[in-house]
Amino acid sequence: GERPRICNLPAEPGPCQAYMTRYFYNSVTKKCEEFRYGGCQGNENRFASEVECLKTCGHMPGAAETRREAALARGAHTLARQREEG
């Protein structure tokens, strides 16, 4: 999936000086990182929590990965059951 364009924006504290802790998506490190937001202006790459940031910009497992993990989990479960029934 394509990330929204806002995820590529730099952390923008803005000119005010409220110094609130916010999170931005760092497109270089591919992580959501903390920064100090002044409280006004700035840009859209600004989230109240790391979770919100990850939801919008971060790595959430895609459908293919989820299917693969489900298949692996099913395989492990089947093996465990066979061992128990022995």
PDB file of N, CA and C in Angstrom:
ATOM      1  N   GLY A   1       0.810  -1.207   0.000  1.00  0.00           N
ATOM      2  CA  GLY A   1       0.000   0.000   0.000  1.00  0.00           C
ATOM      3  C   GLY A   1       0.846   1.261   0.000  1.00  0.00           C
ATOM      4  N   GLU A   2       0.359   2.256  -0.715  1.00  0.00           N
ATOM      5  CA  GLU A   2       1.053   3.548  -0.755  1.00  0.00           C
ATOM      6  C   GLU A   2       0.785   4.315   0.526  1.00  0.00           C
ATOM      7  N   ARG A   3       1.814   4.939   1.037  1.00  0.00           N
ATOM      8  CA  ARG A   3       1.634   5.801   2.214  1.00  0.00           C
ATOM      9  C   ARG A   3       1.060   7.140   1.762  1.00  0.00           C
ATOM     10  N   PRO A   4       0.231   7.759   2.604  1.00  0.00           N
ATOM     11  CA  PRO A   4      -0.239   9.115   2.277  1.00  0.00           C
ATOM     12  C   PRO A   4       0.942  10.074   2.123  1.00  0.00           C
ATOM     13  N   ARG A   5       0.770  11.086   1.282  1.00  0.00           N
ATOM     14  CA  ARG A   5       1.853  12.034   1.010  1.00  0.00           C
ATOM     15  C   ARG A   5       2.352  12.738   2.278  1.00  0.00           C
ATOM     16  N   ILE A   6       1.466  12.949   3.254  1.00  0.00           N
ATOM     17  CA  ILE A   6       1.879  13.644   4.484  1.00  0.00           C
ATOM     18  C   ILE A   6       3.015  12.926   5.198  1.00  0.00           C
ATOM     19  N   CYS A   7       3.123  11.610   4.990  1.00  0.00           N
ATOM     20  CA  CYS A   7       4.141  10.823   5.690  1.00  0.00           C
ATOM     21  C   CYS A   7       5.555  11.196   5.251  1.00  0.00           C
ATOM     22  N   ASN A   8       5.687  11.831   4.092  1.00  0.00           N
ATOM     23  CA  ASN A   8       7.011  12.232   3.602  1.00  0.00           C
ATOM     24  C   ASN A   8       7.412  13.634   4.050  1.00  0.00           C
ATOM     25  N   LEU A   9       6.494  14.346   4.714  1.00  0.00           N
ATOM     26  CA  LEU A   9       6.807  15.704   5.159  1.00  0.00           C
ATOM     27  C   LEU A   9       7.783  15.657   6.332  1.00  0.00           C
ATOM     28  N   PRO A  10       8.623  16.685   6.476  1.00  0.00           N
ATOM     29  CA  PRO A  10       9.544  16.721   7.626  1.00  0.00           C
ATOM     30  C   PRO A  10       8.789  17.080   8.905  1.00  0.00           C
ATOM     31  N   ALA A  11       9.391  16.806  10.063  1.00  0.00           N
ATOM     32  CA  ALA A  11       8.800  17.253  11.333  1.00  0.00           C
ATOM     33  C   ALA A  11       8.824  18.775  11.318  1.00  0.00           C
ATOM     34  N   GLU A  12       7.685  19.402  11.579  1.00  0.00           N
ATOM     35  CA  GLU A  12       7.591  20.865  11.494  1.00  0.00           C
ATOM     36  C   GLU A  12       7.047  21.405  12.812  1.00  0.00           C
ATOM     37  N   PRO A  13       7.942  21.901  13.697  1.00  0.00           N
ATOM     38  CA  PRO A  13       7.492  22.365  15.016  1.00  0.00           C
ATOM     39  C   PRO A  13       6.597  23.600  14.969  1.00  0.00           C
ATOM     40  N   GLY A  14       6.709  24.426  13.925  1.00  0.00           N
ATOM     41  CA  GLY A  14       5.926  25.659  13.844  1.00  0.00           C
ATOM     42  C   GLY A  14       6.540  26.745  14.720  1.00  0.00           C
ATOM     43  N   PRO A  15       6.035  27.990  14.603  1.00  0.00           N
ATOM     44  CA  PRO A  15       6.658  29.129  15.288  1.00  0.00           C
ATOM     45  C   PRO A  15       6.267  29.300  16.757  1.00  0.00           C
ATOM     46  N   CYS A  16       5.205  28.639  17.214  1.00  0.00           N
ATOM     47  CA  CYS A  16       4.779  28.826  18.605  1.00  0.00           C
ATOM     48  C   CYS A  16       5.652  28.003  19.554  1.00  0.00           C
ATOM     49  N   GLN A  17       5.472  28.230  20.856  1.00  0.00           N
ATOM     50  CA  GLN A  17       6.393  27.608  21.806  1.00  0.00           C
ATOM     51  C   GLN A  17       5.688  26.854  22.918  1.00  0.00           C
ATOM     52  N   ALA A  18       4.666  26.088  22.560  1.00  0.00           N
ATOM     53  CA  ALA A  18       3.953  25.297  23.562  1.00  0.00           C
ATOM     54  C   ALA A  18       4.727  24.020  23.920  1.00  0.00           C
ATOM     55  N   TYR A  19       5.609  23.588  23.027  1.00  0.00           N
ATOM     56  CA  TYR A  19       6.433  22.380  23.241  1.00  0.00           C
ATOM     57  C   TYR A  19       5.632  21.162  23.678  1.00  0.00           C
ATOM     58  N   MET A  20       4.709  20.761  22.829  1.00  0.00           N
ATOM     59  CA  MET A  20       3.933  19.554  23.094  1.00  0.00           C
ATOM     60  C   MET A  20       4.642  18.375  22.445  1.00  0.00           C
ATOM     61  N   THR A  21       4.603  17.231  23.104  1.00  0.00           N
ATOM     62  CA  THR A  21       5.187  16.025  22.524  1.00  0.00           C
ATOM     63  C   THR A  21       4.227  15.470  21.476  1.00  0.00           C
ATOM     64  N   ARG A  22       4.703  15.347  20.266  1.00  0.00           N
ATOM     65  CA  ARG A  22       3.920  14.763  19.186  1.00  0.00           C
ATOM     66  C   ARG A  22       4.808  13.769  18.442  1.00  0.00           C
ATOM     67  N   TYR A  23       4.210  13.038  17.517  1.00  0.00           N
ATOM     68  CA  TYR A  23       4.952  12.046  16.746  1.00  0.00           C
ATOM     69  C   TYR A  23       4.850  12.366  15.269  1.00  0.00           C
ATOM     70  N   PHE A  24       5.924  12.100  14.545  1.00  0.00           N
ATOM     71  CA  PHE A  24       5.905  12.263  13.091  1.00  0.00           C
ATOM     72  C   PHE A  24       6.498  11.017  12.471  1.00  0.00           C
ATOM     73  N   TYR A  25       6.133  10.756  11.209  1.00  0.00           N
ATOM     74  CA  TYR A  25       6.700   9.618  10.506  1.00  0.00           C
ATOM     75  C   TYR A  25       7.977  10.065   9.823  1.00  0.00           C
ATOM     76  N   ASN A  26       9.087   9.431  10.186  1.00  0.00           N
ATOM     77  CA  ASN A  26      10.381   9.736   9.585  1.00  0.00           C
ATOM     78  C   ASN A  26      10.553   8.811   8.390  1.00  0.00           C
ATOM     79  N   SER A  27      10.468   9.371   7.176  1.00  0.00           N
ATOM     80  CA  SER A  27      10.515   8.538   5.974  1.00  0.00           C
ATOM     81  C   SER A  27      11.912   7.980   5.709  1.00  0.00           C
ATOM     82  N   VAL A  28      12.925   8.500   6.395  1.00  0.00           N
ATOM     83  CA  VAL A  28      14.291   7.970   6.245  1.00  0.00           C
ATOM     84  C   VAL A  28      14.461   6.708   7.094  1.00  0.00           C
ATOM     85  N   THR A  29      14.107   6.796   8.372  1.00  0.00           N
ATOM     86  CA  THR A  29      14.270   5.640   9.265  1.00  0.00           C
ATOM     87  C   THR A  29      13.077   4.687   9.185  1.00  0.00           C
ATOM     88  N   LYS A  30      11.998   5.125   8.510  1.00  0.00           N
ATOM     89  CA  LYS A  30      10.755   4.356   8.405  1.00  0.00           C
ATOM     90  C   LYS A  30      10.156   4.045   9.780  1.00  0.00           C
ATOM     91  N   LYS A  31      10.263   5.021  10.687  1.00  0.00           N
ATOM     92  CA  LYS A  31       9.716   4.859  12.035  1.00  0.00           C
ATOM     93  C   LYS A  31       8.938   6.107  12.422  1.00  0.00           C
ATOM     94  N   CYS A  32       8.043   5.947  13.379  1.00  0.00           N
ATOM     95  CA  CYS A  32       7.367   7.099  13.964  1.00  0.00           C
ATOM     96  C   CYS A  32       8.215   7.578  15.129  1.00  0.00           C
ATOM     97  N   GLU A  33       8.571   8.851  15.113  1.00  0.00           N
ATOM     98  CA  GLU A  33       9.475   9.397  16.117  1.00  0.00           C
ATOM     99  C   GLU A  33       8.866  10.609  16.802  1.00  0.00           C
ATOM    100  N   GLU A  34       9.310  10.827  18.033  1.00  0.00           N
ATOM    101  CA  GLU A  34       8.829  11.932  18.854  1.00  0.00           C
ATOM    102  C   GLU A  34       9.453  13.249  18.392  1.00  0.00           C
ATOM    103  N   PHE A  35       8.689  14.323  18.467  1.00  0.00           N
ATOM    104  CA  PHE A  35       9.270  15.658  18.282  1.00  0.00           C
ATOM    105  C   PHE A  35       8.465  16.651  19.106  1.00  0.00           C
ATOM    106  N   ARG A  36       8.990  17.847  19.300  1.00  0.00           N
ATOM    107  CA  ARG A  36       8.299  18.883  20.074  1.00  0.00           C
ATOM    108  C   ARG A  36       7.544  19.791  19.112  1.00  0.00           C
ATOM    109  N   TYR A  37       6.244  19.880  19.310  1.00  0.00           N
ATOM    110  CA  TYR A  37       5.413  20.727  18.462  1.00  0.00           C
ATOM    111  C   TYR A  37       5.061  21.994  19.221  1.00  0.00           C
ATOM    112  N   GLY A  38       5.220  23.129  18.571  1.00  0.00           N
ATOM    113  CA  GLY A  38       4.982  24.422  19.216  1.00  0.00           C
ATOM    114  C   GLY A  38       3.527  24.754  19.496  1.00  0.00           C
ATOM    115  N   GLY A  39       2.601  24.089  18.814  1.00  0.00           N
ATOM    116  CA  GLY A  39       1.188  24.321  19.103  1.00  0.00           C
ATOM    117  C   GLY A  39       0.434  25.050  18.005  1.00  0.00           C
ATOM    118  N   CYS A  40       1.147  25.604  17.014  1.00  0.00           N
ATOM    119  CA  CYS A  40       0.446  26.249  15.906  1.00  0.00           C
ATOM    120  C   CYS A  40       1.200  26.020  14.600  1.00  0.00           C
ATOM    121  N   GLN A  41       0.472  26.161  13.500  1.00  0.00           N
ATOM    122  CA  GLN A  41       1.008  25.940  12.157  1.00  0.00           C
ATOM    123  C   GLN A  41       1.618  24.544  12.047  1.00  0.00           C
ATOM    124  N   GLY A  42       2.816  24.406  11.517  1.00  0.00           N
ATOM    125  CA  GLY A  42       3.350  23.067  11.296  1.00  0.00           C
ATOM    126  C   GLY A  42       2.695  22.430  10.083  1.00  0.00           C
ATOM    127  N   ASN A  43       2.770  21.112   9.981  1.00  0.00           N
ATOM    128  CA  ASN A  43       2.152  20.419   8.848  1.00  0.00           C
ATOM    129  C   ASN A  43       1.370  19.196   9.331  1.00  0.00           C
ATOM    130  N   GLU A  44       0.874  18.423   8.371  1.00  0.00           N
ATOM    131  CA  GLU A  44      -0.007  17.296   8.696  1.00  0.00           C
ATOM    132  C   GLU A  44       0.722  16.072   9.236  1.00  0.00           C
ATOM    133  N   ASN A  45       2.055  16.028   9.087  1.00  0.00           N
ATOM    134  CA  ASN A  45       2.810  14.874   9.589  1.00  0.00           C
ATOM    135  C   ASN A  45       3.027  15.063  11.091  1.00  0.00           C
ATOM    136  N   ARG A  46       1.919  14.941  11.836  1.00  0.00           N
ATOM    137  CA  ARG A  46       1.956  15.220  13.273  1.00  0.00           C
ATOM    138  C   ARG A  46       0.819  14.433  13.911  1.00  0.00           C
ATOM    139  N   PHE A  47       1.170  13.592  14.853  1.00  0.00           N
ATOM    140  CA  PHE A  47       0.183  12.702  15.464  1.00  0.00           C
ATOM    141  C   PHE A  47       0.277  12.775  16.978  1.00  0.00           C
ATOM    142  N   ALA A  48      -0.852  12.578  17.643  1.00  0.00           N
ATOM    143  CA  ALA A  48      -0.903  12.658  19.104  1.00  0.00           C
ATOM    144  C   ALA A  48      -0.188  11.482  19.765  1.00  0.00           C
ATOM    145  N   SER A  49      -0.130  10.350  19.070  1.00  0.00           N
ATOM    146  CA  SER A  49       0.507   9.172  19.658  1.00  0.00           C
ATOM    147  C   SER A  49       1.252   8.390  18.583  1.00  0.00           C
ATOM    148  N   GLU A  50       2.148   7.532  19.028  1.00  0.00           N
ATOM    149  CA  GLU A  50       2.903   6.691  18.099  1.00  0.00           C
ATOM    150  C   GLU A  50       1.955   5.750  17.357  1.00  0.00           C
ATOM    151  N   VAL A  51       0.919   5.270  18.064  1.00  0.00           N
ATOM    152  CA  VAL A  51      -0.053   4.362  17.456  1.00  0.00           C
ATOM    153  C   VAL A  51      -0.784   5.036  16.296  1.00  0.00           C
ATOM    154  N   GLU A  52      -1.236   6.292  16.512  1.00  0.00           N
ATOM    155  CA  GLU A  52      -1.918   7.034  15.445  1.00  0.00           C
ATOM    156  C   GLU A  52      -0.994   7.209  14.248  1.00  0.00           C
ATOM    157  N   CYS A  53       0.263   7.524  14.537  1.00  0.00           N
ATOM    158  CA  CYS A  53       1.258   7.715  13.489  1.00  0.00           C
ATOM    159  C   CYS A  53       1.436   6.425  12.690  1.00  0.00           C
ATOM    160  N   LEU A  54       1.585   5.307  13.391  1.00  0.00           N
ATOM    161  CA  LEU A  54       1.770   4.019  12.723  1.00  0.00           C
ATOM    162  C   LEU A  54       0.546   3.633  11.908  1.00  0.00           C
ATOM    163  N   LYS A  55      -0.644   3.960  12.422  1.00  0.00           N
ATOM    164  CA  LYS A  55      -1.879   3.644  11.703  1.00  0.00           C
ATOM    165  C   LYS A  55      -1.900   4.333  10.351  1.00  0.00           C
ATOM    166  N   THR A  56      -1.433   5.577  10.307  1.00  0.00           N
ATOM    167  CA  THR A  56      -1.474   6.353   9.073  1.00  0.00           C
ATOM    168  C   THR A  56      -0.281   6.065   8.172  1.00  0.00           C
ATOM    169  N   CYS A  57       0.911   6.034   8.761  1.00  0.00           N
ATOM    170  CA  CYS A  57       2.128   5.997   7.952  1.00  0.00           C
ATOM    171  C   CYS A  57       2.981   4.750   8.141  1.00  0.00           C
ATOM    172  N   GLY A  58       2.829   4.084   9.254  1.00  0.00           N
ATOM    173  CA  GLY A  58       3.775   3.030   9.604  1.00  0.00           C
ATOM    174  C   GLY A  58       3.520   1.717   8.907  1.00  0.00           C
ATOM    175  N   HIS A  59       4.258   0.718   9.318  1.00  0.00           N
ATOM    176  CA  HIS A  59       4.160  -0.605   8.715  1.00  0.00           C
ATOM    177  C   HIS A  59       3.078  -1.397   9.419  1.00  0.00           C
ATOM    178  N   MET A  60       1.931  -1.449   8.798  1.00  0.00           N
ATOM    179  CA  MET A  60       0.888  -2.330   9.298  1.00  0.00           C
ATOM    180  C   MET A  60       0.926  -3.541   8.369  1.00  0.00           C
ATOM    181  N   PRO A  61       0.825  -4.765   8.911  1.00  0.00           N
ATOM    182  CA  PRO A  61       0.944  -5.950   8.053  1.00  0.00           C
ATOM    183  C   PRO A  61      -0.079  -5.922   6.922  1.00  0.00           C
ATOM    184  N   GLY A  62       0.359  -6.228   5.734  1.00  0.00           N
ATOM    185  CA  GLY A  62      -0.531  -6.285   4.579  1.00  0.00           C
ATOM    186  C   GLY A  62      -1.286  -7.606   4.567  1.00  0.00           C
ATOM    187  N   ALA A  63      -2.231  -7.746   3.667  1.00  0.00           N
ATOM    188  CA  ALA A  63      -3.063  -8.941   3.593  1.00  0.00           C
ATOM    189  C   ALA A  63      -2.221 -10.198   3.366  1.00  0.00           C
ATOM    190  N   ALA A  64      -1.225 -10.117   2.492  1.00  0.00           N
ATOM    191  CA  ALA A  64      -0.389 -11.277   2.177  1.00  0.00           C
ATOM    192  C   ALA A  64       0.358 -11.754   3.420  1.00  0.00           C
ATOM    193  N   GLU A  65       0.931 -10.818   4.173  1.00  0.00           N
ATOM    194  CA  GLU A  65       1.669 -11.181   5.384  1.00  0.00           C
ATOM    195  C   GLU A  65       0.741 -11.815   6.410  1.00  0.00           C
ATOM    196  N   THR A  66      -0.445 -11.227   6.563  1.00  0.00           N
ATOM    197  CA  THR A  66      -1.403 -11.739   7.535  1.00  0.00           C
ATOM    198  C   THR A  66      -1.801 -13.160   7.176  1.00  0.00           C
ATOM    199  N   ARG A  67      -2.041 -13.416   5.892  1.00  0.00           N
ATOM    200  CA  ARG A  67      -2.400 -14.762   5.434  1.00  0.00           C
ATOM    201  C   ARG A  67      -1.279 -15.743   5.724  1.00  0.00           C
ATOM    202  N   ARG A  68      -0.028 -15.329   5.457  1.00  0.00           N
ATOM    203  CA  ARG A  68       1.116 -16.212   5.681  1.00  0.00           C
ATOM    204  C   ARG A  68       1.228 -16.555   7.167  1.00  0.00           C
ATOM    205  N   GLU A  69       1.067 -15.548   8.026  1.00  0.00           N
ATOM    206  CA  GLU A  69       1.155 -15.788   9.466  1.00  0.00           C
ATOM    207  C   GLU A  69       0.040 -16.724   9.925  1.00  0.00           C
ATOM    208  N   ALA A  70      -1.144 -16.554   9.376  1.00  0.00           N
ATOM    209  CA  ALA A  70      -2.271 -17.414   9.735  1.00  0.00           C
ATOM    210  C   ALA A  70      -1.973 -18.854   9.321  1.00  0.00           C
ATOM    211  N   ALA A  71      -1.399 -19.027   8.131  1.00  0.00           N
ATOM    212  CA  ALA A  71      -1.053 -20.362   7.641  1.00  0.00           C
ATOM    213  C   ALA A  71      -0.001 -21.007   8.542  1.00  0.00           C
ATOM    214  N   LEU A  72       1.007 -20.231   8.945  1.00  0.00           N
ATOM    215  CA  LEU A  72       2.048 -20.745   9.837  1.00  0.00           C
ATOM    216  C   LEU A  72       1.442 -21.149  11.178  1.00  0.00           C
ATOM    217  N   ALA A  73       0.562 -20.322  11.705  1.00  0.00           N
ATOM    218  CA  ALA A  73      -0.072 -20.612  12.994  1.00  0.00           C
ATOM    219  C   ALA A  73      -0.897 -21.892  12.899  1.00  0.00           C
ATOM    220  N   ARG A  74      -1.625 -22.047  11.786  1.00  0.00           N
ATOM    221  CA  ARG A  74      -2.426 -23.253  11.571  1.00  0.00           C
ATOM    222  C   ARG A  74      -1.525 -24.478  11.516  1.00  0.00           C
ATOM    223  N   GLY A  75      -0.401 -24.363  10.802  1.00  0.00           N
ATOM    224  CA  GLY A  75       0.551 -25.469  10.688  1.00  0.00           C
ATOM    225  C   GLY A  75       1.075 -25.884  12.049  1.00  0.00           C
ATOM    226  N   ALA A  76       1.441 -24.924  12.867  1.00  0.00           N
ATOM    227  CA  ALA A  76       1.980 -25.206  14.200  1.00  0.00           C
ATOM    228  C   ALA A  76       0.917 -25.886  15.059  1.00  0.00           C
ATOM    229  N   HIS A  77      -0.317 -25.418  14.934  1.00  0.00           N
ATOM    230  CA  HIS A  77      -1.422 -25.972  15.713  1.00  0.00           C
ATOM    231  C   HIS A  77      -1.653 -27.436  15.325  1.00  0.00           C
ATOM    232  N   THR A  78      -1.614 -27.725  14.027  1.00  0.00           N
ATOM    233  CA  THR A  78      -1.819 -29.083  13.521  1.00  0.00           C
ATOM    234  C   THR A  78      -0.739 -30.011  14.062  1.00  0.00           C
ATOM    235  N   LEU A  79       0.525 -29.561  14.029  1.00  0.00           N
ATOM    236  CA  LEU A  79       1.636 -30.362  14.545  1.00  0.00           C
ATOM    237  C   LEU A  79       1.437 -30.677  16.021  1.00  0.00           C
ATOM    238  N   ALA A  80       1.050 -29.671  16.801  1.00  0.00           N
ATOM    239  CA  ALA A  80       0.855 -29.853  18.236  1.00  0.00           C
ATOM    240  C   ALA A  80      -0.238 -30.887  18.497  1.00  0.00           C
ATOM    241  N   ARG A  81      -1.326 -30.821  17.715  1.00  0.00           N
ATOM    242  CA  ARG A  81      -2.441 -31.749  17.900  1.00  0.00           C
ATOM    243  C   ARG A  81      -1.996 -33.174  17.581  1.00  0.00           C
ATOM    244  N   GLN A  82      -1.232 -33.353  16.502  1.00  0.00           N
ATOM    245  CA  GLN A  82      -0.757 -34.685  16.126  1.00  0.00           C
ATOM    246  C   GLN A  82       0.107 -35.275  17.232  1.00  0.00           C
ATOM    247  N   ARG A  83       0.950 -34.426  17.833  1.00  0.00           N
ATOM    248  CA  ARG A  83       1.826 -34.889  18.907  1.00  0.00           C
ATOM    249  C   ARG A  83       0.998 -35.365  20.105  1.00  0.00           C
ATOM    250  N   GLU A  84      -0.040 -34.596  20.449  1.00  0.00           N
ATOM    251  CA  GLU A  84      -0.875 -34.944  21.604  1.00  0.00           C
ATOM    252  C   GLU A  84      -1.595 -36.271  21.375  1.00  0.00           C
ATOM    253  N   GLU A  85      -2.097 -36.459  20.143  1.00  0.00           N
ATOM    254  CA  GLU A  85      -2.847 -37.679  19.843  1.00  0.00           C
ATOM    255  C   GLU A  85      -1.894 -38.862  19.729  1.00  0.00           C
ATOM    256  N   GLY A  86      -0.640 -38.584  19.350  1.00  0.00           N
ATOM    257  CA  GLY A  86       0.465 -39.513  19.245  1.00  0.00           C
ATOM    258  C   GLY A  86       0.064 -40.861  18.748  1.00  0.00           C
TER     259      GLY A  86
END
